Amino acid sequence: MLRILVSIAPRSYRESLALALQRHRPDSEVRISPPEVLEREVGSFEPHVIVCNDGVSREVRDLACSWVEILFIDDLHANISVDGRTETVKDVGVDDLLEVLDAAWRTVFGAEARPSRR
């Protein structure tokens, strides 16, 4: 089971995003966490994917095989890292995040494994 930790502010954003991710990838375990306790949650939950606000320490991001750093600029952009490869995605959407989850799934469980989709 892929473990995903969503830790973005405001709370309504993280709740909505977590619900969307859980709906589209029902075999994943999705948790939410306020950004101020992210480090503690990472330590106890050991997520494969972290979705967080910008400004999170590299030490926290390095604890997951994949992470998405949401950048609240004029638009919604994100720095995305999967298995050590990082890129910036402009106007990031749920489809982009689902691609990250699928790539993380393959990294963790192997190329032959297939996540459930809706």
PDB file of N, CA and C in Angstrom:
ATOM      1  N   MET A   1       0.843  -1.179   0.000  1.00  0.00           N
ATOM      2  CA  MET A   1       0.000   0.000   0.000  1.00  0.00           C
ATOM      3  C   MET A   1       0.891   1.245   0.000  1.00  0.00           C
ATOM      4  N   LEU A   2       0.642   2.138  -0.931  1.00  0.00           N
ATOM      5  CA  LEU A   2       1.391   3.383  -1.029  1.00  0.00           C
ATOM      6  C   LEU A   2       0.897   4.335   0.060  1.00  0.00           C
ATOM      7  N   ARG A   3       1.828   4.903   0.826  1.00  0.00           N
ATOM      8  CA  ARG A   3       1.480   5.848   1.887  1.00  0.00           C
ATOM      9  C   ARG A   3       1.750   7.273   1.415  1.00  0.00           C
ATOM     10  N   ILE A   4       0.716   8.115   1.502  1.00  0.00           N
ATOM     11  CA  ILE A   4       0.786   9.493   1.027  1.00  0.00           C
ATOM     12  C   ILE A   4       0.444  10.421   2.184  1.00  0.00           C
ATOM     13  N   LEU A   5       1.294  11.409   2.417  1.00  0.00           N
ATOM     14  CA  LEU A   5       1.050  12.405   3.463  1.00  0.00           C
ATOM     15  C   LEU A   5       0.841  13.760   2.804  1.00  0.00           C
ATOM     16  N   VAL A   6      -0.333  14.349   3.032  1.00  0.00           N
ATOM     17  CA  VAL A   6      -0.669  15.662   2.480  1.00  0.00           C
ATOM     18  C   VAL A   6      -0.584  16.665   3.622  1.00  0.00           C
ATOM     19  N   SER A   7       0.336  17.606   3.495  1.00  0.00           N
ATOM     20  CA  SER A   7       0.582  18.570   4.559  1.00  0.00           C
ATOM     21  C   SER A   7       0.716  19.973   3.974  1.00  0.00           C
ATOM     22  N   ILE A   8      -0.400  20.480   3.457  1.00  0.00           N
ATOM     23  CA  ILE A   8      -0.398  21.827   2.901  1.00  0.00           C
ATOM     24  C   ILE A   8      -1.399  22.686   3.663  1.00  0.00           C
ATOM     25  N   ALA A   9      -1.183  23.960   3.621  1.00  0.00           N
ATOM     26  CA  ALA A   9      -2.104  24.925   4.215  1.00  0.00           C
ATOM     27  C   ALA A   9      -2.701  25.725   3.076  1.00  0.00           C
ATOM     28  N   PRO A  10      -3.918  26.120   3.229  1.00  0.00           N
ATOM     29  CA  PRO A  10      -4.813  25.989   4.373  1.00  0.00           C
ATOM     30  C   PRO A  10      -5.425  24.592   4.463  1.00  0.00           C
ATOM     31  N   ARG A  11      -6.078  24.331   5.591  1.00  0.00           N
ATOM     32  CA  ARG A  11      -6.651  23.024   5.878  1.00  0.00           C
ATOM     33  C   ARG A  11      -7.625  22.559   4.795  1.00  0.00           C
ATOM     34  N   SER A  12      -8.441  23.453   4.283  1.00  0.00           N
ATOM     35  CA  SER A  12      -9.420  23.052   3.260  1.00  0.00           C
ATOM     36  C   SER A  12      -8.713  22.517   2.013  1.00  0.00           C
ATOM     37  N   TYR A  13      -7.546  23.057   1.667  1.00  0.00           N
ATOM     38  CA  TYR A  13      -6.790  22.566   0.515  1.00  0.00           C
ATOM     39  C   TYR A  13      -6.313  21.137   0.771  1.00  0.00           C
ATOM     40  N   ARG A  14      -5.718  20.894   1.947  1.00  0.00           N
ATOM     41  CA  ARG A  14      -5.184  19.549   2.208  1.00  0.00           C
ATOM     42  C   ARG A  14      -6.305  18.521   2.308  1.00  0.00           C
ATOM     43  N   GLU A  15      -7.445  18.903   2.905  1.00  0.00           N
ATOM     44  CA  GLU A  15      -8.562  17.969   2.996  1.00  0.00           C
ATOM     45  C   GLU A  15      -9.120  17.636   1.613  1.00  0.00           C
ATOM     46  N   SER A  16      -9.282  18.640   0.781  1.00  0.00           N
ATOM     47  CA  SER A  16      -9.811  18.416  -0.574  1.00  0.00           C
ATOM     48  C   SER A  16      -8.852  17.586  -1.412  1.00  0.00           C
ATOM     49  N   LEU A  17      -7.582  17.906  -1.340  1.00  0.00           N
ATOM     50  CA  LEU A  17      -6.591  17.168  -2.117  1.00  0.00           C
ATOM     51  C   LEU A  17      -6.500  15.719  -1.643  1.00  0.00           C
ATOM     52  N   ALA A  18      -6.484  15.511  -0.342  1.00  0.00           N
ATOM     53  CA  ALA A  18      -6.412  14.146   0.187  1.00  0.00           C
ATOM     54  C   ALA A  18      -7.624  13.328  -0.252  1.00  0.00           C
ATOM     55  N   LEU A  19      -8.781  13.928  -0.230  1.00  0.00           N
ATOM     56  CA  LEU A  19      -9.995  13.241  -0.673  1.00  0.00           C
ATOM     57  C   LEU A  19      -9.903  12.856  -2.154  1.00  0.00           C
ATOM     58  N   ALA A  20      -9.427  13.768  -2.979  1.00  0.00           N
ATOM     59  CA  ALA A  20      -9.283  13.478  -4.411  1.00  0.00           C
ATOM     60  C   ALA A  20      -8.277  12.358  -4.649  1.00  0.00           C
ATOM     61  N   LEU A  21      -7.143  12.402  -3.950  1.00  0.00           N
ATOM     62  CA  LEU A  21      -6.134  11.363  -4.138  1.00  0.00           C
ATOM     63  C   LEU A  21      -6.662  10.011  -3.686  1.00  0.00           C
ATOM     64  N   GLN A  22      -7.356   9.973  -2.545  1.00  0.00           N
ATOM     65  CA  GLN A  22      -7.919   8.717  -2.041  1.00  0.00           C
ATOM     66  C   GLN A  22      -8.974   8.168  -2.996  1.00  0.00           C
ATOM     67  N   ARG A  23      -9.765   9.047  -3.555  1.00  0.00           N
ATOM     68  CA  ARG A  23     -10.815   8.620  -4.484  1.00  0.00           C
ATOM     69  C   ARG A  23     -10.208   8.008  -5.752  1.00  0.00           C
ATOM     70  N   HIS A  24      -9.140   8.607  -6.266  1.00  0.00           N
ATOM     71  CA  HIS A  24      -8.534   8.127  -7.510  1.00  0.00           C
ATOM     72  C   HIS A  24      -7.566   6.967  -7.312  1.00  0.00           C
ATOM     73  N   ARG A  25      -7.021   6.823  -6.115  1.00  0.00           N
ATOM     74  CA  ARG A  25      -6.094   5.733  -5.818  1.00  0.00           C
ATOM     75  C   ARG A  25      -6.528   5.065  -4.512  1.00  0.00           C
ATOM     76  N   PRO A  26      -7.624   4.287  -4.566  1.00  0.00           N
ATOM     77  CA  PRO A  26      -8.217   3.728  -3.346  1.00  0.00           C
ATOM     78  C   PRO A  26      -7.334   2.720  -2.611  1.00  0.00           C
ATOM     79  N   ASP A  27      -6.332   2.156  -3.269  1.00  0.00           N
ATOM     80  CA  ASP A  27      -5.440   1.219  -2.589  1.00  0.00           C
ATOM     81  C   ASP A  27      -4.316   1.922  -1.831  1.00  0.00           C
ATOM     82  N   SER A  28      -4.329   3.233  -1.831  1.00  0.00           N
ATOM     83  CA  SER A  28      -3.311   4.010  -1.121  1.00  0.00           C
ATOM     84  C   SER A  28      -3.845   4.442   0.241  1.00  0.00           C
ATOM     85  N   GLU A  29      -2.940   4.629   1.164  1.00  0.00           N
ATOM     86  CA  GLU A  29      -3.303   5.185   2.472  1.00  0.00           C
ATOM     87  C   GLU A  29      -2.923   6.664   2.450  1.00  0.00           C
ATOM     88  N   VAL A  30      -3.902   7.522   2.609  1.00  0.00           N
ATOM     89  CA  VAL A  30      -3.678   8.966   2.556  1.00  0.00           C
ATOM     90  C   VAL A  30      -3.947   9.549   3.930  1.00  0.00           C
ATOM     91  N   ARG A  31      -2.999  10.308   4.442  1.00  0.00           N
ATOM     92  CA  ARG A  31      -3.159  11.014   5.711  1.00  0.00           C
ATOM     93  C   ARG A  31      -2.963  12.501   5.477  1.00  0.00           C
ATOM     94  N   ILE A  32      -3.569  13.290   6.352  1.00  0.00           N
ATOM     95  CA  ILE A  32      -3.342  14.730   6.318  1.00  0.00           C
ATOM     96  C   ILE A  32      -2.653  15.145   7.603  1.00  0.00           C
ATOM     97  N   SER A  33      -1.931  16.253   7.501  1.00  0.00           N
ATOM     98  CA  SER A  33      -1.198  16.773   8.643  1.00  0.00           C
ATOM     99  C   SER A  33      -1.030  18.278   8.485  1.00  0.00           C
ATOM    100  N   PRO A  34      -1.213  19.039   9.554  1.00  0.00           N
ATOM    101  CA  PRO A  34      -0.888  20.454   9.469  1.00  0.00           C
ATOM    102  C   PRO A  34       0.620  20.609   9.223  1.00  0.00           C
ATOM    103  N   PRO A  35       1.028  21.609   8.466  1.00  0.00           N
ATOM    104  CA  PRO A  35       2.456  21.771   8.179  1.00  0.00           C
ATOM    105  C   PRO A  35       3.334  21.890   9.432  1.00  0.00           C
ATOM    106  N   GLU A  36       2.800  22.432  10.494  1.00  0.00           N
ATOM    107  CA  GLU A  36       3.628  22.629  11.689  1.00  0.00           C
ATOM    108  C   GLU A  36       4.004  21.323  12.390  1.00  0.00           C
ATOM    109  N   VAL A  37       3.356  20.213  12.085  1.00  0.00           N
ATOM    110  CA  VAL A  37       3.727  18.920  12.675  1.00  0.00           C
ATOM    111  C   VAL A  37       4.173  17.919  11.607  1.00  0.00           C
ATOM    112  N   LEU A  38       4.524  18.424  10.444  1.00  0.00           N
ATOM    113  CA  LEU A  38       4.920  17.564   9.329  1.00  0.00           C
ATOM    114  C   LEU A  38       6.069  16.641   9.702  1.00  0.00           C
ATOM    115  N   GLU A  39       7.104  17.158  10.309  1.00  0.00           N
ATOM    116  CA  GLU A  39       8.275  16.339  10.619  1.00  0.00           C
ATOM    117  C   GLU A  39       7.906  15.167  11.524  1.00  0.00           C
ATOM    118  N   ARG A  40       7.086  15.405  12.526  1.00  0.00           N
ATOM    119  CA  ARG A  40       6.661  14.335  13.431  1.00  0.00           C
ATOM    120  C   ARG A  40       5.831  13.290  12.670  1.00  0.00           C
ATOM    121  N   GLU A  41       4.928  13.751  11.802  1.00  0.00           N
ATOM    122  CA  GLU A  41       4.090  12.830  11.031  1.00  0.00           C
ATOM    123  C   GLU A  41       4.920  11.990  10.063  1.00  0.00           C
ATOM    124  N   VAL A  42       5.917  12.602   9.452  1.00  0.00           N
ATOM    125  CA  VAL A  42       6.794  11.853   8.544  1.00  0.00           C
ATOM    126  C   VAL A  42       7.497  10.742   9.305  1.00  0.00           C
ATOM    127  N   GLY A  43       7.946  11.056  10.522  1.00  0.00           N
ATOM    128  CA  GLY A  43       8.635  10.055  11.327  1.00  0.00           C
ATOM    129  C   GLY A  43       7.759   8.885  11.733  1.00  0.00           C
ATOM    130  N   SER A  44       6.490   9.143  12.019  1.00  0.00           N
ATOM    131  CA  SER A  44       5.619   8.063  12.478  1.00  0.00           C
ATOM    132  C   SER A  44       4.922   7.326  11.324  1.00  0.00           C
ATOM    133  N   PHE A  45       4.566   8.026  10.268  1.00  0.00           N
ATOM    134  CA  PHE A  45       3.805   7.444   9.155  1.00  0.00           C
ATOM    135  C   PHE A  45       4.715   6.828   8.088  1.00  0.00           C
ATOM    136  N   GLU A  46       5.927   7.352   7.944  1.00  0.00           N
ATOM    137  CA  GLU A  46       6.895   6.904   6.938  1.00  0.00           C
ATOM    138  C   GLU A  46       6.285   6.873   5.533  1.00  0.00           C
ATOM    139  N   PRO A  47       5.851   8.044   5.045  1.00  0.00           N
ATOM    140  CA  PRO A  47       5.183   8.083   3.738  1.00  0.00           C
ATOM    141  C   PRO A  47       6.143   7.819   2.585  1.00  0.00           C
ATOM    142  N   HIS A  48       5.568   7.282   1.510  1.00  0.00           N
ATOM    143  CA  HIS A  48       6.318   7.145   0.260  1.00  0.00           C
ATOM    144  C   HIS A  48       6.282   8.456  -0.515  1.00  0.00           C
ATOM    145  N   VAL A  49       5.183   9.214  -0.354  1.00  0.00           N
ATOM    146  CA  VAL A  49       4.988  10.483  -1.052  1.00  0.00           C
ATOM    147  C   VAL A  49       4.574  11.538  -0.033  1.00  0.00           C
ATOM    148  N   ILE A  50       5.219  12.696  -0.106  1.00  0.00           N
ATOM    149  CA  ILE A  50       4.854  13.845   0.725  1.00  0.00           C
ATOM    150  C   ILE A  50       4.398  14.959  -0.205  1.00  0.00           C
ATOM    151  N   VAL A  51       3.237  15.528   0.079  1.00  0.00           N
ATOM    152  CA  VAL A  51       2.753  16.716  -0.626  1.00  0.00           C
ATOM    153  C   VAL A  51       2.756  17.831   0.413  1.00  0.00           C
ATOM    154  N   CYS A  52       3.568  18.873   0.181  1.00  0.00           N
ATOM    155  CA  CYS A  52       3.766  19.896   1.202  1.00  0.00           C
ATOM    156  C   CYS A  52       3.873  21.286   0.580  1.00  0.00           C
ATOM    157  N   ASN A  53       3.805  22.302   1.439  1.00  0.00           N
ATOM    158  CA  ASN A  53       4.029  23.672   1.009  1.00  0.00           C
ATOM    159  C   ASN A  53       5.514  23.887   0.758  1.00  0.00           C
ATOM    160  N   ASP A  54       5.829  24.966   0.045  1.00  0.00           N
ATOM    161  CA  ASP A  54       7.239  25.295  -0.162  1.00  0.00           C
ATOM    162  C   ASP A  54       7.854  25.697   1.176  1.00  0.00           C
ATOM    163  N   GLY A  55       9.157  25.554   1.251  1.00  0.00           N
ATOM    164  CA  GLY A  55       9.877  25.920   2.458  1.00  0.00           C
ATOM    165  C   GLY A  55      10.109  24.773   3.425  1.00  0.00           C
ATOM    166  N   VAL A  56       9.692  23.565   3.066  1.00  0.00           N
ATOM    167  CA  VAL A  56       9.926  22.404   3.921  1.00  0.00           C
ATOM    168  C   VAL A  56      11.385  21.985   3.786  1.00  0.00           C
ATOM    169  N   SER A  57      11.980  21.567   4.884  1.00  0.00           N
ATOM    170  CA  SER A  57      13.413  21.252   4.878  1.00  0.00           C
ATOM    171  C   SER A  57      13.734  20.065   3.976  1.00  0.00           C
ATOM    172  N   ARG A  58      14.917  20.081   3.469  1.00  0.00           N
ATOM    173  CA  ARG A  58      15.404  18.998   2.624  1.00  0.00           C
ATOM    174  C   ARG A  58      15.443  17.686   3.409  1.00  0.00           C
ATOM    175  N   GLU A  59      15.750  17.767   4.701  1.00  0.00           N
ATOM    176  CA  GLU A  59      15.804  16.567   5.527  1.00  0.00           C
ATOM    177  C   GLU A  59      14.451  15.852   5.541  1.00  0.00           C
ATOM    178  N   VAL A  60      13.366  16.626   5.631  1.00  0.00           N
ATOM    179  CA  VAL A  60      12.023  16.037   5.626  1.00  0.00           C
ATOM    180  C   VAL A  60      11.726  15.445   4.256  1.00  0.00           C
ATOM    181  N   ARG A  61      11.988  16.183   3.201  1.00  0.00           N
ATOM    182  CA  ARG A  61      11.715  15.678   1.852  1.00  0.00           C
ATOM    183  C   ARG A  61      12.517  14.423   1.542  1.00  0.00           C
ATOM    184  N   ASP A  62      13.733  14.337   2.067  1.00  0.00           N
ATOM    185  CA  ASP A  62      14.587  13.183   1.797  1.00  0.00           C
ATOM    186  C   ASP A  62      14.091  11.896   2.453  1.00  0.00           C
ATOM    187  N   LEU A  63      13.127  12.006   3.337  1.00  0.00           N
ATOM    188  CA  LEU A  63      12.601  10.822   4.020  1.00  0.00           C
ATOM    189  C   LEU A  63      11.572  10.058   3.182  1.00  0.00           C
ATOM    190  N   ALA A  64      11.173  10.607   2.048  1.00  0.00           N
ATOM    191  CA  ALA A  64      10.210   9.938   1.165  1.00  0.00           C
ATOM    192  C   ALA A  64      10.853   9.721  -0.195  1.00  0.00           C
ATOM    193  N   CYS A  65      10.390   8.701  -0.921  1.00  0.00           N
ATOM    194  CA  CYS A  65      10.972   8.462  -2.249  1.00  0.00           C
ATOM    195  C   CYS A  65      10.483   9.497  -3.256  1.00  0.00           C
ATOM    196  N   SER A  66       9.334  10.130  -2.954  1.00  0.00           N
ATOM    197  CA  SER A  66       8.796  11.160  -3.846  1.00  0.00           C
ATOM    198  C   SER A  66       8.177  12.271  -3.020  1.00  0.00           C
ATOM    199  N   TRP A  67       8.238  13.483  -3.547  1.00  0.00           N
ATOM    200  CA  TRP A  67       7.596  14.609  -2.869  1.00  0.00           C
ATOM    201  C   TRP A  67       7.120  15.633  -3.877  1.00  0.00           C
ATOM    202  N   VAL A  68       6.120  16.377  -3.455  1.00  0.00           N
ATOM    203  CA  VAL A  68       5.562  17.457  -4.250  1.00  0.00           C
ATOM    204  C   VAL A  68       5.547  18.682  -3.357  1.00  0.00           C
ATOM    205  N   GLU A  69       6.254  19.712  -3.778  1.00  0.00           N
ATOM    206  CA  GLU A  69       6.328  20.967  -3.032  1.00  0.00           C
ATOM    207  C   GLU A  69       5.466  21.989  -3.772  1.00  0.00           C
ATOM    208  N   ILE A  70       4.317  22.303  -3.185  1.00  0.00           N
ATOM    209  CA  ILE A  70       3.374  23.230  -3.807  1.00  0.00           C
ATOM    210  C   ILE A  70       3.891  24.656  -3.634  1.00  0.00           C
ATOM    211  N   LEU A  71       3.966  25.387  -4.734  1.00  0.00           N
ATOM    212  CA  LEU A  71       4.458  26.766  -4.730  1.00  0.00           C
ATOM    213  C   LEU A  71       3.281  27.704  -4.962  1.00  0.00           C
ATOM    214  N   PHE A  72       2.963  28.469  -3.964  1.00  0.00           N
ATOM    215  CA  PHE A  72       1.877  29.447  -4.101  1.00  0.00           C
ATOM    216  C   PHE A  72       2.492  30.758  -4.583  1.00  0.00           C
ATOM    217  N   ILE A  73       2.536  30.935  -5.892  1.00  0.00           N
ATOM    218  CA  ILE A  73       3.071  32.154  -6.482  1.00  0.00           C
ATOM    219  C   ILE A  73       1.861  32.871  -7.066  1.00  0.00           C
ATOM    220  N   ASP A  74       1.924  33.361  -8.276  1.00  0.00           N
ATOM    221  CA  ASP A  74       0.755  33.939  -8.926  1.00  0.00           C
ATOM    222  C   ASP A  74      -0.211  32.835  -9.365  1.00  0.00           C
ATOM    223  N   ASP A  75       0.343  31.708  -9.774  1.00  0.00           N
ATOM    224  CA  ASP A  75      -0.432  30.534 -10.145  1.00  0.00           C
ATOM    225  C   ASP A  75      -0.017  29.405  -9.210  1.00  0.00           C
ATOM    226  N   LEU A  76      -0.547  28.242  -9.434  1.00  0.00           N
ATOM    227  CA  LEU A  76      -0.209  27.094  -8.595  1.00  0.00           C
ATOM    228  C   LEU A  76       0.795  26.227  -9.338  1.00  0.00           C
ATOM    229  N   HIS A  77       2.058  26.330  -8.952  1.00  0.00           N
ATOM    230  CA  HIS A  77       3.126  25.537  -9.532  1.00  0.00           C
ATOM    231  C   HIS A  77       3.616  24.556  -8.471  1.00  0.00           C
ATOM    232  N   ALA A  78       4.431  23.595  -8.897  1.00  0.00           N
ATOM    233  CA  ALA A  78       4.967  22.629  -7.950  1.00  0.00           C
ATOM    234  C   ALA A  78       6.338  22.156  -8.394  1.00  0.00           C
ATOM    235  N   ASN A  79       7.203  21.939  -7.409  1.00  0.00           N
ATOM    236  CA  ASN A  79       8.436  21.200  -7.635  1.00  0.00           C
ATOM    237  C   ASN A  79       8.105  19.759  -7.288  1.00  0.00           C
ATOM    238  N   ILE A  80       8.421  18.858  -8.206  1.00  0.00           N
ATOM    239  CA  ILE A  80       8.078  17.453  -8.039  1.00  0.00           C
ATOM    240  C   ILE A  80       9.346  16.629  -8.127  1.00  0.00           C
ATOM    241  N   SER A  81       9.512  15.721  -7.176  1.00  0.00           N
ATOM    242  CA  SER A  81      10.664  14.829  -7.185  1.00  0.00           C
ATOM    243  C   SER A  81      10.170  13.391  -7.081  1.00  0.00           C
ATOM    244  N   VAL A  82      10.607  12.589  -8.033  1.00  0.00           N
ATOM    245  CA  VAL A  82      10.285  11.162  -8.033  1.00  0.00           C
ATOM    246  C   VAL A  82      11.588  10.403  -8.207  1.00  0.00           C
ATOM    247  N   ASP A  83      11.929   9.608  -7.212  1.00  0.00           N
ATOM    248  CA  ASP A  83      13.125   8.772  -7.283  1.00  0.00           C
ATOM    249  C   ASP A  83      14.377   9.585  -7.625  1.00  0.00           C
ATOM    250  N   GLY A  84      14.492  10.775  -7.028  1.00  0.00           N
ATOM    251  CA  GLY A  84      15.676  11.602  -7.199  1.00  0.00           C
ATOM    252  C   GLY A  84      15.663  12.549  -8.387  1.00  0.00           C
ATOM    253  N   ARG A  85      14.661  12.449  -9.254  1.00  0.00           N
ATOM    254  CA  ARG A  85      14.559  13.350 -10.408  1.00  0.00           C
ATOM    255  C   ARG A  85      13.549  14.449 -10.072  1.00  0.00           C
ATOM    256  N   THR A  86      13.978  15.696 -10.192  1.00  0.00           N
ATOM    257  CA  THR A  86      13.137  16.828  -9.815  1.00  0.00           C
ATOM    258  C   THR A  86      12.817  17.688 -11.024  1.00  0.00           C
ATOM    259  N   GLU A  87      11.563  18.147 -11.085  1.00  0.00           N
ATOM    260  CA  GLU A  87      11.144  19.066 -12.143  1.00  0.00           C
ATOM    261  C   GLU A  87      10.117  20.029 -11.572  1.00  0.00           C
ATOM    262  N   THR A  88       9.938  21.147 -12.250  1.00  0.00           N
ATOM    263  CA  THR A  88       8.910  22.119 -11.881  1.00  0.00           C
ATOM    264  C   THR A  88       7.755  21.986 -12.864  1.00  0.00           C
ATOM    265  N   VAL A  89       6.553  21.899 -12.318  1.00  0.00           N
ATOM    266  CA  VAL A  89       5.343  21.794 -13.135  1.00  0.00           C
ATOM    267  C   VAL A  89       4.529  23.052 -12.920  1.00  0.00           C
ATOM    268  N   LYS A  90       4.214  23.731 -13.999  1.00  0.00           N
ATOM    269  CA  LYS A  90       3.407  24.949 -13.921  1.00  0.00           C
ATOM    270  C   LYS A  90       1.930  24.581 -13.986  1.00  0.00           C
ATOM    271  N   ASP A  91       1.128  25.327 -13.249  1.00  0.00           N
ATOM    272  CA  ASP A  91      -0.319  25.112 -13.211  1.00  0.00           C
ATOM    273  C   ASP A  91      -0.626  23.647 -12.891  1.00  0.00           C
ATOM    274  N   VAL A  92      -0.070  23.168 -11.791  1.00  0.00           N
ATOM    275  CA  VAL A  92      -0.196  21.767 -11.398  1.00  0.00           C
ATOM    276  C   VAL A  92      -1.655  21.424 -11.100  1.00  0.00           C
ATOM    277  N   GLY A  93      -2.042  20.215 -11.484  1.00  0.00           N
ATOM    278  CA  GLY A  93      -3.403  19.747 -11.248  1.00  0.00           C
ATOM    279  C   GLY A  93      -3.405  18.352 -10.651  1.00  0.00           C
ATOM    280  N   VAL A  94      -4.571  17.851 -10.357  1.00  0.00           N
ATOM    281  CA  VAL A  94      -4.701  16.523  -9.762  1.00  0.00           C
ATOM    282  C   VAL A  94      -4.113  15.457 -10.676  1.00  0.00           C
ATOM    283  N   ASP A  95      -4.288  15.584 -11.980  1.00  0.00           N
ATOM    284  CA  ASP A  95      -3.712  14.599 -12.908  1.00  0.00           C
ATOM    285  C   ASP A  95      -2.195  14.511 -12.767  1.00  0.00           C
ATOM    286  N   ASP A  96      -1.545  15.664 -12.572  1.00  0.00           N
ATOM    287  CA  ASP A  96      -0.095  15.671 -12.364  1.00  0.00           C
ATOM    288  C   ASP A  96       0.266  14.913 -11.085  1.00  0.00           C
ATOM    289  N   LEU A  97      -0.510  15.121 -10.040  1.00  0.00           N
ATOM    290  CA  LEU A  97      -0.240  14.446  -8.772  1.00  0.00           C
ATOM    291  C   LEU A  97      -0.491  12.945  -8.886  1.00  0.00           C
ATOM    292  N   LEU A  98      -1.500  12.548  -9.646  1.00  0.00           N
ATOM    293  CA  LEU A  98      -1.754  11.126  -9.853  1.00  0.00           C
ATOM    294  C   LEU A  98      -0.599  10.466 -10.601  1.00  0.00           C
ATOM    295  N   GLU A  99       0.011  11.187 -11.525  1.00  0.00           N
ATOM    296  CA  GLU A  99       1.200  10.665 -12.219  1.00  0.00           C
ATOM    297  C   GLU A  99       2.346  10.453 -11.237  1.00  0.00           C
ATOM    298  N   VAL A 100       2.493  11.376 -10.283  1.00  0.00           N
ATOM    299  CA  VAL A 100       3.525  11.223  -9.248  1.00  0.00           C
ATOM    300  C   VAL A 100       3.247   9.964  -8.425  1.00  0.00           C
ATOM    301  N   LEU A 101       1.996   9.767  -8.034  1.00  0.00           N
ATOM    302  CA  LEU A 101       1.643   8.585  -7.246  1.00  0.00           C
ATOM    303  C   LEU A 101       1.934   7.305  -8.024  1.00  0.00           C
ATOM    304  N   ASP A 102       1.608   7.282  -9.301  1.00  0.00           N
ATOM    305  CA  ASP A 102       1.874   6.100 -10.117  1.00  0.00           C
ATOM    306  C   ASP A 102       3.366   5.832 -10.245  1.00  0.00           C
ATOM    307  N   ALA A 103       4.154   6.898 -10.427  1.00  0.00           N
ATOM    308  CA  ALA A 103       5.610   6.736 -10.521  1.00  0.00           C
ATOM    309  C   ALA A 103       6.182   6.266  -9.184  1.00  0.00           C
ATOM    310  N   ALA A 104       5.683   6.816  -8.090  1.00  0.00           N
ATOM    311  CA  ALA A 104       6.139   6.385  -6.761  1.00  0.00           C
ATOM    312  C   ALA A 104       5.769   4.922  -6.532  1.00  0.00           C
ATOM    313  N   TRP A 105       4.578   4.532  -6.955  1.00  0.00           N
ATOM    314  CA  TRP A 105       4.136   3.140  -6.833  1.00  0.00           C
ATOM    315  C   TRP A 105       5.116   2.214  -7.542  1.00  0.00           C
ATOM    316  N   ARG A 106       5.483   2.582  -8.774  1.00  0.00           N
ATOM    317  CA  ARG A 106       6.431   1.750  -9.537  1.00  0.00           C
ATOM    318  C   ARG A 106       7.791   1.707  -8.853  1.00  0.00           C
ATOM    319  N   THR A 107       8.227   2.818  -8.271  1.00  0.00           N
ATOM    320  CA  THR A 107       9.514   2.863  -7.575  1.00  0.00           C
ATOM    321  C   THR A 107       9.504   1.950  -6.356  1.00  0.00           C
ATOM    322  N   VAL A 108       8.419   1.984  -5.616  1.00  0.00           N
ATOM    323  CA  VAL A 108       8.331   1.220  -4.368  1.00  0.00           C
ATOM    324  C   VAL A 108       8.039  -0.256  -4.617  1.00  0.00           C
ATOM    325  N   PHE A 109       7.098  -0.550  -5.528  1.00  0.00           N
ATOM    326  CA  PHE A 109       6.608  -1.912  -5.691  1.00  0.00           C
ATOM    327  C   PHE A 109       7.056  -2.601  -6.978  1.00  0.00           C
ATOM    328  N   GLY A 110       7.743  -1.878  -7.838  1.00  0.00           N
ATOM    329  CA  GLY A 110       8.237  -2.470  -9.075  1.00  0.00           C
ATOM    330  C   GLY A 110       7.363  -2.107 -10.267  1.00  0.00           C
ATOM    331  N   ALA A 111       7.958  -2.197 -11.442  1.00  0.00           N
ATOM    332  CA  ALA A 111       7.306  -1.770 -12.671  1.00  0.00           C
ATOM    333  C   ALA A 111       6.067  -2.602 -13.000  1.00  0.00           C
ATOM    334  N   GLU A 112       6.026  -3.848 -12.547  1.00  0.00           N
ATOM    335  CA  GLU A 112       4.901  -4.720 -12.880  1.00  0.00           C
ATOM    336  C   GLU A 112       3.677  -4.443 -12.011  1.00  0.00           C
ATOM    337  N   ALA A 113       3.879  -3.841 -10.856  1.00  0.00           N
ATOM    338  CA  ALA A 113       2.766  -3.583  -9.943  1.00  0.00           C
ATOM    339  C   ALA A 113       1.891  -2.480 -10.502  1.00  0.00           C
ATOM    340  N   ARG A 114       0.597  -2.597 -10.311  1.00  0.00           N
ATOM    341  CA  ARG A 114      -0.351  -1.626 -10.823  1.00  0.00           C
ATOM    342  C   ARG A 114      -1.242  -1.115  -9.703  1.00  0.00           C
ATOM    343  N   PRO A 115      -1.282   0.202  -9.484  1.00  0.00           N
ATOM    344  CA  PRO A 115      -2.188   0.739  -8.465  1.00  0.00           C
ATOM    345  C   PRO A 115      -3.627   0.686  -8.962  1.00  0.00           C
ATOM    346  N   SER A 116      -4.566   0.594  -8.017  1.00  0.00           N
ATOM    347  CA  SER A 116      -5.990   0.679  -8.366  1.00  0.00           C
ATOM    348  C   SER A 116      -6.292   2.092  -8.808  1.00  0.00           C
ATOM    349  N   ARG A 117      -7.164   2.219  -9.796  1.00  0.00           N
ATOM    350  CA  ARG A 117      -7.519   3.551 -10.317  1.00  0.00           C
ATOM    351  C   ARG A 117      -9.012   3.680 -10.398  1.00  0.00           C
ATOM    352  N   ARG A 118      -9.428   4.904 -10.240  1.00  0.00           N
ATOM    353  CA  ARG A 118     -10.834   5.253 -10.465  1.00  0.00           C
ATOM    354  C   ARG A 118     -10.895   6.474 -11.313  1.00  0.00           C
TER     355      ARG A 118
END
